Structures are given as structure tokens and as C-alpha cells.
């Protein structure tokens, strides 16, 4: 593992607590490096949506790495 790899904290418990319906609309206001957002996208249906926000320019660049239209 590289020293700059980001490991999301409490990933699965967070996803389990937040995701009530796979067709829902979810908001990630602290995208960071996208660990939680990526995990949420894996659980969403084709109708589900995720909106992610962050003020950190590095986080905004990391958002561009996700190629998922939801």
C-alpha cells in the first residue's frame, strides 16, 4: 500500500446506515477521495442518484475519476 492511499473510515457501517432504498437520492457533502461515494454507488440501483460536493480542489479532481452517471 502506498503512503498516499486513502482508506475510508467506517465505510461499511456508514453505507449500511445511510442507504435505505437503492432508488433514492443521496448527498455526500464531504467527498474527500470518494471512498464512501464509490461504496454508495455500488449499492444504488439504476434509478438511484448520488450528488457529491467538496471544496478541496484535489477532491474535485478525484470526482472526475468516477465514470458513473448516477
PDB file of N, CA and C in Angstrom:
ATOM      1  N   UNK A   1       0.854  -1.183   0.000  1.00  0.00           N
ATOM      2  CA  UNK A   1       0.000   0.000   0.000  1.00  0.00           C
ATOM      3  C   UNK A   1       0.889   1.232   0.000  1.00  0.00           C
ATOM      4  N   UNK A   2       0.583   2.199  -0.847  1.00  0.00           N
ATOM      5  CA  UNK A   2       1.348   3.432  -0.873  1.00  0.00           C
ATOM      6  C   UNK A   2       0.960   4.311   0.308  1.00  0.00           C
ATOM      7  N   UNK A   3       1.822   5.236   0.650  1.00  0.00           N
ATOM      8  CA  UNK A   3       1.546   6.105   1.797  1.00  0.00           C
ATOM      9  C   UNK A   3       0.489   7.148   1.499  1.00  0.00           C
ATOM     10  N   UNK A   4       0.180   7.375   0.223  1.00  0.00           N
ATOM     11  CA  UNK A   4      -0.828   8.377  -0.111  1.00  0.00           C
ATOM     12  C   UNK A   4      -2.190   7.765  -0.407  1.00  0.00           C
ATOM     13  N   UNK A   5      -2.346   6.466  -0.214  1.00  0.00           N
ATOM     14  CA  UNK A   5      -3.629   5.819  -0.423  1.00  0.00           C
ATOM     15  C   UNK A   5      -4.581   6.191   0.702  1.00  0.00           C
ATOM     16  N   UNK A   6      -5.791   6.564   0.347  1.00  0.00           N
ATOM     17  CA  UNK A   6      -6.792   6.952   1.330  1.00  0.00           C
ATOM     18  C   UNK A   6      -7.639   5.741   1.707  1.00  0.00           C
ATOM     19  N   UNK A   7      -7.828   5.530   2.993  1.00  0.00           N
ATOM     20  CA  UNK A   7      -8.667   4.439   3.474  1.00  0.00           C
ATOM     21  C   UNK A   7      -9.870   5.049   4.194  1.00  0.00           C
ATOM     22  N   UNK A   8     -11.098   4.896   3.653  1.00  0.00           N
ATOM     23  CA  UNK A   8     -12.274   5.474   4.292  1.00  0.00           C
ATOM     24  C   UNK A   8     -12.522   4.865   5.677  1.00  0.00           C
ATOM     25  N   UNK A   9     -12.912   5.695   6.607  1.00  0.00           N
ATOM     26  CA  UNK A   9     -13.189   5.260   7.969  1.00  0.00           C
ATOM     27  C   UNK A   9     -14.644   4.807   8.075  1.00  0.00           C
ATOM     28  N   UNK A  10     -14.869   3.685   8.729  1.00  0.00           N
ATOM     29  CA  UNK A  10     -16.218   3.144   8.973  1.00  0.00           C
ATOM     30  C   UNK A  10     -17.036   3.033   7.690  1.00  0.00           C
ATOM     31  N   UNK A  11     -16.401   2.563   6.649  1.00  0.00           N
ATOM     32  CA  UNK A  11     -17.038   2.522   5.332  1.00  0.00           C
ATOM     33  C   UNK A  11     -18.344   1.730   5.333  1.00  0.00           C
ATOM     34  N   UNK A  12     -18.291   0.460   5.658  1.00  0.00           N
ATOM     35  CA  UNK A  12     -19.497  -0.366   5.556  1.00  0.00           C
ATOM     36  C   UNK A  12     -20.589   0.048   6.546  1.00  0.00           C
ATOM     37  N   UNK A  13     -20.259   0.349   7.806  1.00  0.00           N
ATOM     38  CA  UNK A  13     -21.317   0.800   8.716  1.00  0.00           C
ATOM     39  C   UNK A  13     -21.992   2.086   8.231  1.00  0.00           C
ATOM     40  N   UNK A  14     -21.219   2.977   7.620  1.00  0.00           N
ATOM     41  CA  UNK A  14     -21.790   4.223   7.109  1.00  0.00           C
ATOM     42  C   UNK A  14     -22.739   3.950   5.956  1.00  0.00           C
ATOM     43  N   UNK A  15     -22.310   3.135   5.006  1.00  0.00           N
ATOM     44  CA  UNK A  15     -23.158   2.803   3.856  1.00  0.00           C
ATOM     45  C   UNK A  15     -24.426   2.097   4.328  1.00  0.00           C
ATOM     46  N   UNK A  16     -24.285   1.148   5.241  1.00  0.00           N
ATOM     47  CA  UNK A  16     -25.453   0.417   5.756  1.00  0.00           C
ATOM     48  C   UNK A  16     -26.437   1.347   6.458  1.00  0.00           C
ATOM     49  N   UNK A  17     -25.926   2.331   7.200  1.00  0.00           N
ATOM     50  CA  UNK A  17     -26.792   3.251   7.934  1.00  0.00           C
ATOM     51  C   UNK A  17     -27.479   4.256   7.011  1.00  0.00           C
ATOM     52  N   UNK A  18     -26.801   4.660   5.947  1.00  0.00           N
ATOM     53  CA  UNK A  18     -27.340   5.702   5.065  1.00  0.00           C
ATOM     54  C   UNK A  18     -28.269   5.179   3.985  1.00  0.00           C
ATOM     55  N   UNK A  19     -27.951   4.045   3.415  1.00  0.00           N
ATOM     56  CA  UNK A  19     -28.675   3.579   2.237  1.00  0.00           C
ATOM     57  C   UNK A  19     -29.945   2.833   2.648  1.00  0.00           C
ATOM     58  N   UNK A  20     -31.064   3.538   2.572  1.00  0.00           N
ATOM     59  CA  UNK A  20     -32.344   2.931   2.944  1.00  0.00           C
ATOM     60  C   UNK A  20     -33.075   2.353   1.744  1.00  0.00           C
ATOM     61  N   UNK A  21     -32.895   2.961   0.602  1.00  0.00           N
ATOM     62  CA  UNK A  21     -33.514   2.448  -0.620  1.00  0.00           C
ATOM     63  C   UNK A  21     -32.545   2.647  -1.779  1.00  0.00           C
ATOM     64  N   UNK A  22     -32.293   1.635  -2.573  1.00  0.00           N
ATOM     65  CA  UNK A  22     -31.351   1.769  -3.677  1.00  0.00           C
ATOM     66  C   UNK A  22     -31.818   2.723  -4.775  1.00  0.00           C
ATOM     67  N   UNK A  23     -33.107   3.094  -4.759  1.00  0.00           N
ATOM     68  CA  UNK A  23     -33.645   4.021  -5.760  1.00  0.00           C
ATOM     69  C   UNK A  23     -33.595   5.467  -5.289  1.00  0.00           C
ATOM     70  N   UNK A  24     -33.034   5.721  -4.119  1.00  0.00           N
ATOM     71  CA  UNK A  24     -33.073   7.053  -3.513  1.00  0.00           C
ATOM     72  C   UNK A  24     -32.068   8.035  -4.091  1.00  0.00           C
ATOM     73  N   UNK A  25     -32.155   9.253  -3.577  1.00  0.00           N
ATOM     74  CA  UNK A  25     -31.238  10.331  -3.907  1.00  0.00           C
ATOM     75  C   UNK A  25     -30.390  10.582  -2.667  1.00  0.00           C
ATOM     76  N   UNK A  26     -29.074  10.534  -2.813  1.00  0.00           N
ATOM     77  CA  UNK A  26     -28.158  10.665  -1.686  1.00  0.00           C
ATOM     78  C   UNK A  26     -27.179  11.802  -1.942  1.00  0.00           C
ATOM     79  N   UNK A  27     -26.752  12.454  -0.858  1.00  0.00           N
ATOM     80  CA  UNK A  27     -25.853  13.606  -0.934  1.00  0.00           C
ATOM     81  C   UNK A  27     -24.630  13.348  -0.071  1.00  0.00           C
ATOM     82  N   UNK A  28     -23.460  13.406  -0.677  1.00  0.00           N
ATOM     83  CA  UNK A  28     -22.187  13.282   0.033  1.00  0.00           C
ATOM     84  C   UNK A  28     -21.558  14.675   0.038  1.00  0.00           C
ATOM     85  N   UNK A  29     -21.618  15.347   1.187  1.00  0.00           N
ATOM     86  CA  UNK A  29     -21.114  16.727   1.291  1.00  0.00           C
ATOM     87  C   UNK A  29     -19.628  16.787   1.623  1.00  0.00           C
ATOM     88  N   UNK A  30     -19.002  15.654   1.835  1.00  0.00           N
ATOM     89  CA  UNK A  30     -17.571  15.602   2.133  1.00  0.00           C
ATOM     90  C   UNK A  30     -16.944  14.493   1.281  1.00  0.00           C
ATOM     91  N   UNK A  31     -16.911  14.704  -0.009  1.00  0.00           N
ATOM     92  CA  UNK A  31     -16.460  13.678  -0.948  1.00  0.00           C
ATOM     93  C   UNK A  31     -15.060  13.161  -0.631  1.00  0.00           C
ATOM     94  N   UNK A  32     -14.146  14.044  -0.276  1.00  0.00           N
ATOM     95  CA  UNK A  32     -12.776  13.615   0.033  1.00  0.00           C
ATOM     96  C   UNK A  32     -12.123  12.942  -1.152  1.00  0.00           C
ATOM     97  N   UNK A  33     -11.807  11.665  -1.030  1.00  0.00           N
ATOM     98  CA  UNK A  33     -11.238  10.916  -2.152  1.00  0.00           C
ATOM     99  C   UNK A  33     -12.251   9.926  -2.718  1.00  0.00           C
ATOM    100  N   UNK A  34     -13.483   9.975  -2.249  1.00  0.00           N
ATOM    101  CA  UNK A  34     -14.567   9.236  -2.891  1.00  0.00           C
ATOM    102  C   UNK A  34     -14.849   7.845  -2.386  1.00  0.00           C
ATOM    103  N   UNK A  35     -14.230   7.433  -1.297  1.00  0.00           N
ATOM    104  CA  UNK A  35     -14.445   6.072  -0.804  1.00  0.00           C
ATOM    105  C   UNK A  35     -15.893   5.777  -0.463  1.00  0.00           C
ATOM    106  N   UNK A  36     -16.530   6.673   0.288  1.00  0.00           N
ATOM    107  CA  UNK A  36     -17.929   6.452   0.664  1.00  0.00           C
ATOM    108  C   UNK A  36     -18.843   6.589  -0.555  1.00  0.00           C
ATOM    109  N   UNK A  37     -18.562   7.563  -1.404  1.00  0.00           N
ATOM    110  CA  UNK A  37     -19.384   7.744  -2.608  1.00  0.00           C
ATOM    111  C   UNK A  37     -19.313   6.515  -3.509  1.00  0.00           C
ATOM    112  N   UNK A  38     -18.127   5.975  -3.698  1.00  0.00           N
ATOM    113  CA  UNK A  38     -17.978   4.783  -4.545  1.00  0.00           C
ATOM    114  C   UNK A  38     -18.747   3.599  -3.961  1.00  0.00           C
ATOM    115  N   UNK A  39     -18.679   3.442  -2.643  1.00  0.00           N
ATOM    116  CA  UNK A  39     -19.400   2.341  -1.992  1.00  0.00           C
ATOM    117  C   UNK A  39     -20.905   2.532  -2.115  1.00  0.00           C
ATOM    118  N   UNK A  40     -21.376   3.769  -1.996  1.00  0.00           N
ATOM    119  CA  UNK A  40     -22.803   4.033  -2.166  1.00  0.00           C
ATOM    120  C   UNK A  40     -23.234   3.733  -3.604  1.00  0.00           C
ATOM    121  N   UNK A  41     -22.444   4.148  -4.566  1.00  0.00           N
ATOM    122  CA  UNK A  41     -22.783   3.884  -5.971  1.00  0.00           C
ATOM    123  C   UNK A  41     -22.901   2.390  -6.252  1.00  0.00           C
ATOM    124  N   UNK A  42     -22.079   1.592  -5.606  1.00  0.00           N
ATOM    125  CA  UNK A  42     -22.148   0.134  -5.800  1.00  0.00           C
ATOM    126  C   UNK A  42     -23.487  -0.429  -5.342  1.00  0.00           C
ATOM    127  N   UNK A  43     -24.132   0.224  -4.384  1.00  0.00           N
ATOM    128  CA  UNK A  43     -25.391  -0.267  -3.816  1.00  0.00           C
ATOM    129  C   UNK A  43     -26.624   0.350  -4.466  1.00  0.00           C
ATOM    130  N   UNK A  44     -26.444   1.438  -5.221  1.00  0.00           N
ATOM    131  CA  UNK A  44     -27.586   2.104  -5.837  1.00  0.00           C
ATOM    132  C   UNK A  44     -28.105   1.333  -7.047  1.00  0.00           C
ATOM    133  N   UNK A  45     -29.391   1.443  -7.280  1.00  0.00           N
ATOM    134  CA  UNK A  45     -29.984   0.872  -8.491  1.00  0.00           C
ATOM    135  C   UNK A  45     -29.723   1.824  -9.656  1.00  0.00           C
ATOM    136  N   UNK A  46     -30.177   1.447 -10.820  1.00  0.00           N
ATOM    137  CA  UNK A  46     -30.034   2.309 -11.993  1.00  0.00           C
ATOM    138  C   UNK A  46     -30.810   3.615 -11.826  1.00  0.00           C
ATOM    139  N   UNK A  47     -31.838   3.610 -10.981  1.00  0.00           N
ATOM    140  CA  UNK A  47     -32.637   4.817 -10.741  1.00  0.00           C
ATOM    141  C   UNK A  47     -32.090   5.662  -9.587  1.00  0.00           C
ATOM    142  N   UNK A  48     -31.222   5.099  -8.774  1.00  0.00           N
ATOM    143  CA  UNK A  48     -30.658   5.829  -7.644  1.00  0.00           C
ATOM    144  C   UNK A  48     -29.712   6.919  -8.123  1.00  0.00           C
ATOM    145  N   UNK A  49     -29.539   7.946  -7.278  1.00  0.00           N
ATOM    146  CA  UNK A  49     -28.673   9.061  -7.642  1.00  0.00           C
ATOM    147  C   UNK A  49     -27.814   9.466  -6.455  1.00  0.00           C
ATOM    148  N   UNK A  50     -26.620   9.934  -6.761  1.00  0.00           N
ATOM    149  CA  UNK A  50     -25.694  10.430  -5.753  1.00  0.00           C
ATOM    150  C   UNK A  50     -25.174  11.784  -6.209  1.00  0.00           C
ATOM    151  N   UNK A  51     -25.257  12.764  -5.323  1.00  0.00           N
ATOM    152  CA  UNK A  51     -24.679  14.084  -5.561  1.00  0.00           C
ATOM    153  C   UNK A  51     -23.529  14.223  -4.572  1.00  0.00           C
ATOM    154  N   UNK A  52     -22.344  14.578  -5.069  1.00  0.00           N
ATOM    155  CA  UNK A  52     -21.172  14.709  -4.208  1.00  0.00           C
ATOM    156  C   UNK A  52     -20.615  16.124  -4.299  1.00  0.00           C
ATOM    157  N   UNK A  53     -20.211  16.647  -3.151  1.00  0.00           N
ATOM    158  CA  UNK A  53     -19.664  18.003  -3.057  1.00  0.00           C
ATOM    159  C   UNK A  53     -18.387  17.985  -2.239  1.00  0.00           C
ATOM    160  N   UNK A  54     -17.502  18.910  -2.531  1.00  0.00           N
ATOM    161  CA  UNK A  54     -16.323  19.127  -1.701  1.00  0.00           C
ATOM    162  C   UNK A  54     -15.666  20.418  -2.169  1.00  0.00           C
ATOM    163  N   UNK A  55     -15.044  21.147  -1.248  1.00  0.00           N
ATOM    164  CA  UNK A  55     -14.374  22.406  -1.592  1.00  0.00           C
ATOM    165  C   UNK A  55     -12.894  22.202  -1.932  1.00  0.00           C
ATOM    166  N   UNK A  56     -12.340  21.087  -1.548  1.00  0.00           N
ATOM    167  CA  UNK A  56     -10.929  20.794  -1.762  1.00  0.00           C
ATOM    168  C   UNK A  56     -10.685  20.530  -3.250  1.00  0.00           C
ATOM    169  N   UNK A  57      -9.796  21.299  -3.898  1.00  0.00           N
ATOM    170  CA  UNK A  57      -9.537  21.097  -5.328  1.00  0.00           C
ATOM    171  C   UNK A  57      -9.072  19.674  -5.668  1.00  0.00           C
ATOM    172  N   UNK A  58      -8.314  19.041  -4.780  1.00  0.00           N
ATOM    173  CA  UNK A  58      -7.889  17.656  -5.030  1.00  0.00           C
ATOM    174  C   UNK A  58      -9.094  16.714  -5.020  1.00  0.00           C
ATOM    175  N   UNK A  59     -10.050  16.968  -4.133  1.00  0.00           N
ATOM    176  CA  UNK A  59     -11.255  16.144  -4.079  1.00  0.00           C
ATOM    177  C   UNK A  59     -12.077  16.332  -5.348  1.00  0.00           C
ATOM    178  N   UNK A  60     -12.170  17.554  -5.806  1.00  0.00           N
ATOM    179  CA  UNK A  60     -12.919  17.825  -7.039  1.00  0.00           C
ATOM    180  C   UNK A  60     -12.277  17.086  -8.210  1.00  0.00           C
ATOM    181  N   UNK A  61     -10.955  17.063  -8.257  1.00  0.00           N
ATOM    182  CA  UNK A  61     -10.270  16.302  -9.323  1.00  0.00           C
ATOM    183  C   UNK A  61     -10.554  14.811  -9.184  1.00  0.00           C
ATOM    184  N   UNK A  62     -10.580  14.310  -7.958  1.00  0.00           N
ATOM    185  CA  UNK A  62     -10.862  12.886  -7.716  1.00  0.00           C
ATOM    186  C   UNK A  62     -12.272  12.527  -8.168  1.00  0.00           C
ATOM    187  N   UNK A  63     -13.194  13.470  -8.069  1.00  0.00           N
ATOM    188  CA  UNK A  63     -14.569  13.218  -8.535  1.00  0.00           C
ATOM    189  C   UNK A  63     -14.581  12.881 -10.016  1.00  0.00           C
ATOM    190  N   UNK A  64     -13.718  13.527 -10.761  1.00  0.00           N
ATOM    191  CA  UNK A  64     -13.655  13.296 -12.203  1.00  0.00           C
ATOM    192  C   UNK A  64     -13.213  11.899 -12.585  1.00  0.00           C
ATOM    193  N   UNK A  65     -12.622  11.165 -11.633  1.00  0.00           N
ATOM    194  CA  UNK A  65     -12.178   9.802 -11.898  1.00  0.00           C
ATOM    195  C   UNK A  65     -13.337   8.800 -11.892  1.00  0.00           C
ATOM    196  N   UNK A  66     -14.462   9.195 -11.328  1.00  0.00           N
ATOM    197  CA  UNK A  66     -15.620   8.304 -11.272  1.00  0.00           C
ATOM    198  C   UNK A  66     -16.424   8.464 -12.555  1.00  0.00           C
ATOM    199  N   UNK A  67     -16.549   7.401 -13.276  1.00  0.00           N
ATOM    200  CA  UNK A  67     -17.271   7.420 -14.563  1.00  0.00           C
ATOM    201  C   UNK A  67     -18.631   6.743 -14.392  1.00  0.00           C
ATOM    202  N   UNK A  68     -19.468   7.350 -13.575  1.00  0.00           N
ATOM    203  CA  UNK A  68     -20.799   6.797 -13.286  1.00  0.00           C
ATOM    204  C   UNK A  68     -21.787   7.959 -13.364  1.00  0.00           C
ATOM    205  N   UNK A  69     -22.748   7.864 -14.247  1.00  0.00           N
ATOM    206  CA  UNK A  69     -23.666   8.974 -14.483  1.00  0.00           C
ATOM    207  C   UNK A  69     -24.675   9.198 -13.355  1.00  0.00           C
ATOM    208  N   UNK A  70     -24.740   8.263 -12.414  1.00  0.00           N
ATOM    209  CA  UNK A  70     -25.683   8.456 -11.322  1.00  0.00           C
ATOM    210  C   UNK A  70     -25.185   9.483 -10.342  1.00  0.00           C
TER     211      UNK A  70
END
